[in-house]
Amino acid sequence: MIILKSLEMIKLLYVFILCLFGITASKAQIQSDFGVKGGFNFTFFKVQESTFGFNQDTETGFYGGLFMDFDVDNTLSFQPEILYIGLNDFRFLNAPIYMKYEIVNNLDVMVGPSINYFFDFFLNKLKIRADLSTAYNMTSKFDIHLKYTLGFQEITPNGLFLGLGLKL
């Protein structure tokens, strides 16, 4: 059962990546941007213990990946991403799907769900989380961003991400 879910998730991620690159190939027809991003992440694990309350544990790691930005209008866009995240003892994929809104000139707010696939940490390897992010566009090609990811299950990795993005 676990192996079947893992294979299904891998297939889903392959389809997501193929769609991402397929859309890139049709960029002439749709106003979109493609880029890379990466940086540091701070993951907060909240494990509920039977009689001891909550025990917070924090890990520091890195992330890197690809994003697409599809314009809906001048201030609203749709931004899917695929990020590889590495922490001390485990690795996972994070695939957020953001609605992005420019609140003031060069400052964006993004919100949306993220699909996460944990390679070697949980028995239930597929997790859905909520992401809230902001990005400041320093130039038309370069941004600095901050993102908070909120998990929903009993063993919940929440994360704070700080990084840079580059439109290609």
N, C-alpha and C. Protein backbone atom coordinates (compact mmCIF):
# COMPACT_ATOMS: atom_id res chain seq x y z
N MET A 1 0.82 -1.20 0.00
CA MET A 1 0.00 0.00 0.00
C MET A 1 0.87 1.26 0.00
N ILE A 2 1.89 1.29 0.87
CA ILE A 2 2.77 2.45 0.95
C ILE A 2 3.55 2.60 -0.34
N ILE A 3 4.02 1.47 -0.89
CA ILE A 3 4.77 1.51 -2.15
C ILE A 3 3.88 2.03 -3.27
N LEU A 4 2.62 1.60 -3.30
CA LEU A 4 1.68 2.06 -4.33
C LEU A 4 1.46 3.56 -4.23
N LYS A 5 1.29 4.10 -3.02
CA LYS A 5 1.12 5.54 -2.84
C LYS A 5 2.37 6.29 -3.27
N SER A 6 3.55 5.74 -2.98
CA SER A 6 4.80 6.37 -3.38
C SER A 6 4.91 6.43 -4.90
N LEU A 7 4.57 5.35 -5.57
CA LEU A 7 4.62 5.34 -7.03
C LEU A 7 3.62 6.32 -7.63
N GLU A 8 2.43 6.39 -7.03
CA GLU A 8 1.43 7.35 -7.51
C GLU A 8 1.92 8.78 -7.35
N MET A 9 2.57 9.09 -6.24
CA MET A 9 3.07 10.44 -6.00
C MET A 9 4.19 10.77 -6.97
N ILE A 10 5.07 9.82 -7.22
CA ILE A 10 6.16 10.06 -8.18
C ILE A 10 5.58 10.32 -9.56
N LYS A 11 4.57 9.56 -9.96
CA LYS A 11 3.92 9.79 -11.25
C LYS A 11 3.28 11.17 -11.30
N LEU A 12 2.62 11.57 -10.20
CA LEU A 12 2.00 12.89 -10.14
C LEU A 12 3.04 13.99 -10.27
N LEU A 13 4.18 13.84 -9.62
CA LEU A 13 5.24 14.84 -9.72
C LEU A 13 5.82 14.90 -11.14
N TYR A 14 5.98 13.74 -11.79
CA TYR A 14 6.45 13.73 -13.18
C TYR A 14 5.47 14.45 -14.10
N VAL A 15 4.18 14.21 -13.91
CA VAL A 15 3.16 14.89 -14.73
C VAL A 15 3.23 16.39 -14.48
N PHE A 16 3.37 16.80 -13.22
CA PHE A 16 3.48 18.22 -12.89
C PHE A 16 4.68 18.85 -13.59
N ILE A 17 5.83 18.19 -13.52
CA ILE A 17 7.04 18.72 -14.15
C ILE A 17 6.89 18.78 -15.66
N LEU A 18 6.31 17.73 -16.27
CA LEU A 18 6.10 17.74 -17.72
C LEU A 18 5.16 18.86 -18.13
N CYS A 19 4.10 19.08 -17.36
CA CYS A 19 3.18 20.19 -17.66
C CYS A 19 3.90 21.52 -17.54
N LEU A 20 4.72 21.67 -16.51
CA LEU A 20 5.48 22.90 -16.30
C LEU A 20 6.36 23.20 -17.50
N PHE A 21 7.08 22.19 -17.98
CA PHE A 21 7.96 22.41 -19.12
C PHE A 21 7.18 22.51 -20.43
N GLY A 22 6.04 21.82 -20.53
CA GLY A 22 5.20 21.94 -21.72
C GLY A 22 4.64 23.34 -21.87
N ILE A 23 4.25 23.91 -20.76
CA ILE A 23 3.74 25.28 -20.78
C ILE A 23 4.86 26.24 -21.15
N THR A 24 6.07 25.95 -20.68
CA THR A 24 7.22 26.78 -21.04
C THR A 24 7.42 26.79 -22.55
N ALA A 25 7.22 25.63 -23.18
CA ALA A 25 7.41 25.54 -24.62
C ALA A 25 6.38 26.38 -25.38
N SER A 26 5.21 26.57 -24.78
CA SER A 26 4.18 27.37 -25.44
C SER A 26 4.16 28.80 -24.93
N LYS A 27 5.26 29.26 -24.42
CA LYS A 27 5.36 30.59 -23.80
C LYS A 27 4.98 31.72 -24.75
N ALA A 28 5.16 31.53 -26.04
CA ALA A 28 4.84 32.57 -27.00
C ALA A 28 3.34 32.87 -27.00
N GLN A 29 2.50 31.89 -26.63
CA GLN A 29 1.06 32.08 -26.66
C GLN A 29 0.51 32.60 -25.33
N ILE A 30 1.20 32.35 -24.23
CA ILE A 30 0.74 32.75 -22.91
C ILE A 30 1.80 33.65 -22.28
N GLN A 31 1.37 34.76 -21.66
CA GLN A 31 2.33 35.63 -20.97
C GLN A 31 2.76 34.94 -19.69
N SER A 32 4.02 34.49 -19.65
CA SER A 32 4.52 33.78 -18.48
C SER A 32 6.01 34.02 -18.31
N ASP A 33 6.47 33.72 -17.10
CA ASP A 33 7.88 33.79 -16.78
C ASP A 33 8.30 32.47 -16.18
N PHE A 34 9.54 32.10 -16.42
CA PHE A 34 10.12 30.87 -15.91
C PHE A 34 11.37 31.24 -15.13
N GLY A 35 11.63 30.54 -14.01
CA GLY A 35 12.82 30.89 -13.26
C GLY A 35 13.25 29.83 -12.28
N VAL A 36 14.32 30.15 -11.56
CA VAL A 36 14.87 29.29 -10.53
C VAL A 36 14.85 30.05 -9.22
N LYS A 37 14.78 29.29 -8.12
CA LYS A 37 14.84 29.92 -6.80
C LYS A 37 15.52 28.97 -5.84
N GLY A 38 16.03 29.55 -4.77
CA GLY A 38 16.68 28.74 -3.76
C GLY A 38 17.03 29.57 -2.55
N GLY A 39 17.41 28.88 -1.49
CA GLY A 39 17.78 29.58 -0.27
C GLY A 39 17.83 28.64 0.92
N PHE A 40 17.57 29.20 2.09
CA PHE A 40 17.63 28.47 3.34
C PHE A 40 16.23 28.26 3.89
N ASN A 41 16.06 27.15 4.61
CA ASN A 41 14.79 26.94 5.28
C ASN A 41 15.02 26.51 6.73
N PHE A 42 14.07 26.89 7.54
CA PHE A 42 14.07 26.56 8.96
C PHE A 42 12.78 25.79 9.20
N THR A 43 12.89 24.51 9.53
CA THR A 43 11.71 23.66 9.71
C THR A 43 11.49 23.41 11.19
N PHE A 44 10.25 23.58 11.59
CA PHE A 44 9.85 23.43 12.99
C PHE A 44 8.98 22.19 13.10
N PHE A 45 9.44 21.22 13.87
CA PHE A 45 8.68 19.99 14.08
C PHE A 45 7.94 20.10 15.39
N LYS A 46 6.65 19.82 15.35
CA LYS A 46 5.84 19.86 16.57
C LYS A 46 5.30 18.44 16.76
N VAL A 47 5.87 17.71 17.70
CA VAL A 47 5.48 16.33 17.94
C VAL A 47 4.70 16.27 19.24
N GLN A 48 3.47 15.78 19.15
CA GLN A 48 2.66 15.67 20.36
C GLN A 48 3.04 14.38 21.08
N GLU A 49 3.49 14.50 22.31
CA GLU A 49 3.86 13.35 23.12
C GLU A 49 2.74 13.06 24.11
N SER A 50 2.56 11.80 24.46
CA SER A 50 1.38 11.36 25.20
C SER A 50 1.15 12.13 26.51
N THR A 51 2.16 12.30 27.34
CA THR A 51 1.93 12.99 28.62
C THR A 51 2.86 14.17 28.83
N PHE A 52 3.67 14.49 27.87
CA PHE A 52 4.68 15.52 28.08
C PHE A 52 4.37 16.82 27.35
N GLY A 53 3.22 16.95 26.74
CA GLY A 53 2.88 18.19 26.03
C GLY A 53 3.57 18.26 24.69
N PHE A 54 3.96 19.46 24.30
CA PHE A 54 4.57 19.67 23.00
C PHE A 54 6.07 19.88 23.13
N ASN A 55 6.80 19.30 22.21
CA ASN A 55 8.25 19.41 22.19
C ASN A 55 8.64 20.00 20.83
N GLN A 56 9.15 21.21 20.81
CA GLN A 56 9.56 21.85 19.56
C GLN A 56 10.98 21.45 19.20
N ASP A 57 11.21 21.14 17.94
CA ASP A 57 12.52 20.82 17.44
C ASP A 57 12.68 21.57 16.12
N THR A 58 13.83 22.16 15.89
CA THR A 58 14.06 22.95 14.69
C THR A 58 15.26 22.41 13.93
N GLU A 59 15.13 22.33 12.61
CA GLU A 59 16.22 21.92 11.72
C GLU A 59 16.44 23.03 10.70
N THR A 60 17.68 23.21 10.28
CA THR A 60 18.01 24.18 9.25
C THR A 60 18.48 23.43 8.02
N GLY A 61 18.04 23.88 6.85
CA GLY A 61 18.42 23.21 5.62
C GLY A 61 18.48 24.17 4.45
N PHE A 62 18.31 23.61 3.26
CA PHE A 62 18.38 24.38 2.01
C PHE A 62 17.24 23.95 1.11
N TYR A 63 16.98 24.76 0.10
CA TYR A 63 16.00 24.39 -0.92
C TYR A 63 16.41 25.00 -2.24
N GLY A 64 15.91 24.41 -3.30
CA GLY A 64 16.15 24.92 -4.64
C GLY A 64 15.13 24.32 -5.59
N GLY A 65 14.80 25.06 -6.64
CA GLY A 65 13.83 24.52 -7.58
C GLY A 65 13.48 25.49 -8.69
N LEU A 66 12.35 25.18 -9.32
CA LEU A 66 11.88 25.91 -10.50
C LEU A 66 10.51 26.49 -10.23
N PHE A 67 10.18 27.57 -10.94
CA PHE A 67 8.84 28.15 -10.85
C PHE A 67 8.41 28.69 -12.21
N MET A 68 7.11 28.78 -12.37
CA MET A 68 6.50 29.42 -13.54
C MET A 68 5.55 30.49 -13.00
N ASP A 69 5.42 31.57 -13.73
CA ASP A 69 4.53 32.65 -13.33
C ASP A 69 3.65 32.99 -14.52
N PHE A 70 2.33 32.72 -14.41
CA PHE A 70 1.37 32.95 -15.49
C PHE A 70 0.51 34.16 -15.14
N ASP A 71 0.60 35.19 -15.94
CA ASP A 71 -0.17 36.41 -15.69
C ASP A 71 -1.65 36.19 -15.97
N VAL A 72 -2.49 36.64 -15.03
CA VAL A 72 -3.94 36.68 -15.22
C VAL A 72 -4.31 38.10 -15.66
N ASP A 73 -3.77 39.09 -14.96
CA ASP A 73 -3.89 40.50 -15.35
C ASP A 73 -2.66 41.23 -14.84
N ASN A 74 -2.71 42.54 -14.73
CA ASN A 74 -1.52 43.32 -14.33
C ASN A 74 -1.07 43.07 -12.89
N THR A 75 -1.99 42.70 -12.00
CA THR A 75 -1.62 42.53 -10.59
C THR A 75 -1.82 41.10 -10.07
N LEU A 76 -2.45 40.24 -10.84
CA LEU A 76 -2.77 38.88 -10.39
C LEU A 76 -2.12 37.86 -11.31
N SER A 77 -1.52 36.82 -10.70
CA SER A 77 -0.93 35.75 -11.50
C SER A 77 -1.04 34.43 -10.74
N PHE A 78 -0.74 33.36 -11.44
CA PHE A 78 -0.77 32.00 -10.93
C PHE A 78 0.68 31.50 -10.98
N GLN A 79 1.22 30.98 -9.85
CA GLN A 79 2.62 30.58 -9.82
C GLN A 79 2.80 29.19 -9.20
N PRO A 80 2.91 28.14 -10.01
CA PRO A 80 3.28 26.82 -9.49
C PRO A 80 4.80 26.71 -9.35
N GLU A 81 5.24 25.91 -8.39
CA GLU A 81 6.67 25.71 -8.15
C GLU A 81 6.92 24.24 -7.87
N ILE A 82 8.14 23.81 -8.05
CA ILE A 82 8.60 22.50 -7.59
C ILE A 82 9.96 22.73 -6.92
N LEU A 83 10.03 22.42 -5.62
CA LEU A 83 11.23 22.69 -4.83
C LEU A 83 11.74 21.40 -4.19
N TYR A 84 13.04 21.22 -4.22
CA TYR A 84 13.70 20.12 -3.51
C TYR A 84 14.22 20.70 -2.20
N ILE A 85 13.85 20.07 -1.08
CA ILE A 85 14.22 20.58 0.24
C ILE A 85 15.06 19.53 0.95
N GLY A 86 16.19 19.97 1.47
CA GLY A 86 17.07 19.07 2.21
C GLY A 86 17.29 19.57 3.62
N LEU A 87 17.07 18.69 4.56
CA LEU A 87 17.36 18.95 5.98
C LEU A 87 18.37 17.89 6.43
N ASN A 88 18.81 17.96 7.65
CA ASN A 88 19.86 17.05 8.12
C ASN A 88 19.61 15.60 7.76
N ASP A 89 18.48 15.05 8.20
CA ASP A 89 18.26 13.62 8.05
C ASP A 89 17.26 13.23 6.97
N PHE A 90 16.62 14.16 6.32
CA PHE A 90 15.65 13.77 5.32
C PHE A 90 15.53 14.79 4.20
N ARG A 91 14.88 14.35 3.12
CA ARG A 91 14.69 15.14 1.91
C ARG A 91 13.22 15.04 1.50
N PHE A 92 12.70 16.12 0.90
CA PHE A 92 11.34 16.05 0.38
C PHE A 92 11.14 17.04 -0.75
N LEU A 93 10.06 16.83 -1.51
CA LEU A 93 9.66 17.73 -2.58
C LEU A 93 8.49 18.56 -2.10
N ASN A 94 8.50 19.82 -2.42
CA ASN A 94 7.44 20.77 -2.08
C ASN A 94 6.94 21.36 -3.38
N ALA A 95 5.64 21.22 -3.64
CA ALA A 95 5.06 21.73 -4.89
C ALA A 95 3.89 22.66 -4.56
N PRO A 96 4.18 23.93 -4.24
CA PRO A 96 3.09 24.87 -3.98
C PRO A 96 2.44 25.36 -5.27
N ILE A 97 1.19 25.72 -5.16
CA ILE A 97 0.44 26.30 -6.27
C ILE A 97 -0.14 27.61 -5.74
N TYR A 98 0.49 28.71 -6.12
CA TYR A 98 0.16 30.02 -5.55
C TYR A 98 -0.76 30.84 -6.45
N MET A 99 -1.62 31.62 -5.79
CA MET A 99 -2.24 32.77 -6.42
C MET A 99 -1.41 33.94 -5.92
N LYS A 100 -0.92 34.74 -6.86
CA LYS A 100 0.03 35.81 -6.54
C LYS A 100 -0.62 37.16 -6.85
N TYR A 101 -0.54 38.07 -5.88
CA TYR A 101 -1.16 39.38 -6.03
C TYR A 101 -0.13 40.46 -5.70
N GLU A 102 0.02 41.44 -6.59
CA GLU A 102 0.93 42.56 -6.36
C GLU A 102 0.19 43.60 -5.52
N ILE A 103 0.58 43.74 -4.24
CA ILE A 103 -0.14 44.67 -3.35
C ILE A 103 0.32 46.11 -3.54
N VAL A 104 1.59 46.32 -3.80
CA VAL A 104 2.14 47.63 -4.18
C VAL A 104 3.23 47.37 -5.21
N ASN A 105 3.73 48.42 -5.80
CA ASN A 105 4.76 48.27 -6.83
C ASN A 105 5.93 47.41 -6.33
N ASN A 106 6.20 46.29 -7.00
CA ASN A 106 7.30 45.36 -6.75
C ASN A 106 7.15 44.49 -5.50
N LEU A 107 6.03 44.54 -4.79
CA LEU A 107 5.82 43.71 -3.60
C LEU A 107 4.61 42.80 -3.82
N ASP A 108 4.86 41.50 -3.80
CA ASP A 108 3.82 40.50 -4.06
C ASP A 108 3.50 39.69 -2.82
N VAL A 109 2.25 39.25 -2.71
CA VAL A 109 1.81 38.31 -1.68
C VAL A 109 1.28 37.09 -2.42
N MET A 110 1.67 35.89 -1.93
CA MET A 110 1.25 34.64 -2.55
C MET A 110 0.65 33.73 -1.50
N VAL A 111 -0.41 33.04 -1.85
CA VAL A 111 -1.06 32.10 -0.94
C VAL A 111 -1.56 30.91 -1.75
N GLY A 112 -1.51 29.74 -1.13
CA GLY A 112 -2.01 28.56 -1.80
C GLY A 112 -1.63 27.28 -1.09
N PRO A 113 -2.17 26.17 -1.57
CA PRO A 113 -1.82 24.87 -1.00
C PRO A 113 -0.49 24.38 -1.55
N SER A 114 0.13 23.46 -0.83
CA SER A 114 1.32 22.81 -1.37
C SER A 114 1.21 21.31 -1.14
N ILE A 115 1.63 20.57 -2.14
CA ILE A 115 1.71 19.11 -2.06
C ILE A 115 3.15 18.78 -1.71
N ASN A 116 3.33 17.95 -0.72
CA ASN A 116 4.68 17.61 -0.25
C ASN A 116 4.86 16.11 -0.26
N TYR A 117 5.98 15.67 -0.80
CA TYR A 117 6.32 14.25 -0.81
C TYR A 117 7.60 14.06 -0.02
N PHE A 118 7.50 13.34 1.11
CA PHE A 118 8.63 13.08 1.98
C PHE A 118 9.26 11.75 1.58
N PHE A 119 10.53 11.77 1.20
CA PHE A 119 11.20 10.56 0.74
C PHE A 119 11.43 9.55 1.85
N ASP A 120 11.83 9.97 3.04
CA ASP A 120 12.28 9.01 4.03
C ASP A 120 11.98 9.38 5.47
N PHE A 121 10.97 10.18 5.71
CA PHE A 121 10.73 10.62 7.08
C PHE A 121 9.46 10.03 7.66
N PHE A 122 8.36 10.09 6.95
CA PHE A 122 7.07 9.64 7.45
C PHE A 122 6.63 8.36 6.76
N LEU A 123 5.78 7.59 7.44
CA LEU A 123 5.16 6.45 6.77
C LEU A 123 4.17 6.95 5.73
N ASN A 124 3.36 7.95 6.10
CA ASN A 124 2.47 8.60 5.15
C ASN A 124 3.28 9.69 4.45
N LYS A 125 3.82 9.39 3.30
CA LYS A 125 4.79 10.25 2.65
C LYS A 125 4.19 11.48 1.97
N LEU A 126 2.91 11.46 1.69
CA LEU A 126 2.24 12.57 1.01
C LEU A 126 1.53 13.45 2.04
N LYS A 127 1.84 14.73 2.04
CA LYS A 127 1.23 15.68 2.98
C LYS A 127 0.76 16.91 2.21
N ILE A 128 -0.33 17.48 2.64
CA ILE A 128 -0.84 18.73 2.09
C ILE A 128 -0.63 19.80 3.15
N ARG A 129 -0.06 20.92 2.73
CA ARG A 129 0.18 22.02 3.64
C ARG A 129 -0.33 23.31 3.01
N ALA A 130 -0.37 24.37 3.80
CA ALA A 130 -0.78 25.69 3.31
C ALA A 130 0.45 26.59 3.31
N ASP A 131 0.62 27.37 2.26
CA ASP A 131 1.77 28.27 2.12
C ASP A 131 1.31 29.72 2.04
N LEU A 132 2.05 30.57 2.70
CA LEU A 132 1.87 32.01 2.62
C LEU A 132 3.24 32.61 2.36
N SER A 133 3.34 33.44 1.32
CA SER A 133 4.65 33.94 0.91
C SER A 133 4.55 35.40 0.49
N THR A 134 5.70 36.05 0.53
CA THR A 134 5.81 37.40 0.01
C THR A 134 7.12 37.50 -0.76
N ALA A 135 7.13 38.34 -1.78
CA ALA A 135 8.34 38.52 -2.58
C ALA A 135 8.50 39.99 -2.93
N TYR A 136 9.72 40.46 -2.83
CA TYR A 136 10.03 41.82 -3.25
C TYR A 136 10.90 41.73 -4.50
N ASN A 137 10.42 42.32 -5.60
CA ASN A 137 11.13 42.29 -6.87
C ASN A 137 12.15 43.43 -6.90
N MET A 138 13.40 43.07 -6.70
CA MET A 138 14.47 44.06 -6.67
C MET A 138 14.74 44.61 -8.08
N THR A 139 14.61 43.75 -9.08
CA THR A 139 14.67 44.14 -10.49
C THR A 139 13.59 43.34 -11.21
N SER A 140 13.49 43.50 -12.52
CA SER A 140 12.49 42.73 -13.27
C SER A 140 12.83 41.24 -13.32
N LYS A 141 14.07 40.87 -13.04
CA LYS A 141 14.51 39.47 -13.10
C LYS A 141 14.88 38.87 -11.75
N PHE A 142 15.02 39.66 -10.71
CA PHE A 142 15.59 39.20 -9.45
C PHE A 142 14.69 39.56 -8.28
N ASP A 143 14.38 38.58 -7.42
CA ASP A 143 13.56 38.87 -6.24
C ASP A 143 14.14 38.22 -4.99
N ILE A 144 13.71 38.72 -3.86
CA ILE A 144 14.00 38.11 -2.57
C ILE A 144 12.64 37.74 -1.99
N HIS A 145 12.54 36.53 -1.43
CA HIS A 145 11.24 36.07 -0.96
C HIS A 145 11.33 35.43 0.42
N LEU A 146 10.19 35.44 1.09
CA LEU A 146 10.02 34.86 2.40
C LEU A 146 8.72 34.07 2.38
N LYS A 147 8.77 32.82 2.87
CA LYS A 147 7.59 31.95 2.79
C LYS A 147 7.44 31.21 4.10
N TYR A 148 6.18 31.04 4.54
CA TYR A 148 5.88 30.23 5.71
C TYR A 148 4.94 29.12 5.28
N THR A 149 5.28 27.89 5.67
CA THR A 149 4.49 26.72 5.32
C THR A 149 3.91 26.13 6.59
N LEU A 150 2.61 25.88 6.57
CA LEU A 150 1.90 25.37 7.75
C LEU A 150 1.38 23.97 7.47
N GLY A 151 1.79 23.00 8.32
CA GLY A 151 1.31 21.63 8.21
C GLY A 151 0.07 21.43 9.06
N PHE A 152 -0.67 20.36 8.77
CA PHE A 152 -1.94 20.14 9.45
C PHE A 152 -2.01 18.86 10.29
N GLN A 153 -1.10 17.91 10.09
CA GLN A 153 -1.19 16.64 10.81
C GLN A 153 -0.55 16.72 12.19
N GLU A 154 -0.73 15.63 12.99
CA GLU A 154 -0.21 15.59 14.36
C GLU A 154 1.31 15.78 14.38
N ILE A 155 2.03 15.07 13.52
CA ILE A 155 3.46 15.32 13.37
C ILE A 155 3.55 16.32 12.24
N THR A 156 3.84 17.57 12.57
CA THR A 156 3.67 18.67 11.64
C THR A 156 4.97 19.42 11.40
N PRO A 157 5.56 19.28 10.21
CA PRO A 157 6.70 20.15 9.92
C PRO A 157 6.21 21.48 9.35
N ASN A 158 6.37 22.55 10.09
CA ASN A 158 6.10 23.89 9.60
C ASN A 158 7.44 24.47 9.18
N GLY A 159 7.45 25.33 8.17
CA GLY A 159 8.73 25.83 7.71
C GLY A 159 8.73 27.31 7.39
N LEU A 160 9.88 27.92 7.57
CA LEU A 160 10.12 29.30 7.20
C LEU A 160 11.25 29.28 6.17
N PHE A 161 11.00 29.87 5.00
CA PHE A 161 11.94 29.86 3.89
C PHE A 161 12.38 31.28 3.58
N LEU A 162 13.65 31.47 3.35
CA LEU A 162 14.20 32.77 2.94
C LEU A 162 15.14 32.52 1.77
N GLY A 163 14.86 33.18 0.64
CA GLY A 163 15.70 32.90 -0.53
C GLY A 163 15.61 33.95 -1.60
N LEU A 164 16.22 33.60 -2.73
CA LEU A 164 16.30 34.46 -3.90
C LEU A 164 15.69 33.76 -5.10
N GLY A 165 15.10 34.54 -6.00
CA GLY A 165 14.55 34.01 -7.24
C GLY A 165 15.12 34.75 -8.43
N LEU A 166 15.29 34.02 -9.53
CA LEU A 166 15.83 34.61 -10.75
C LEU A 166 14.99 34.16 -11.93
N LYS A 167 14.37 35.12 -12.64
CA LYS A 167 13.62 34.81 -13.86
C LYS A 167 14.60 34.66 -15.00
N LEU A 168 14.45 33.61 -15.77
CA LEU A 168 15.35 33.33 -16.89
C LEU A 168 14.77 33.82 -18.20
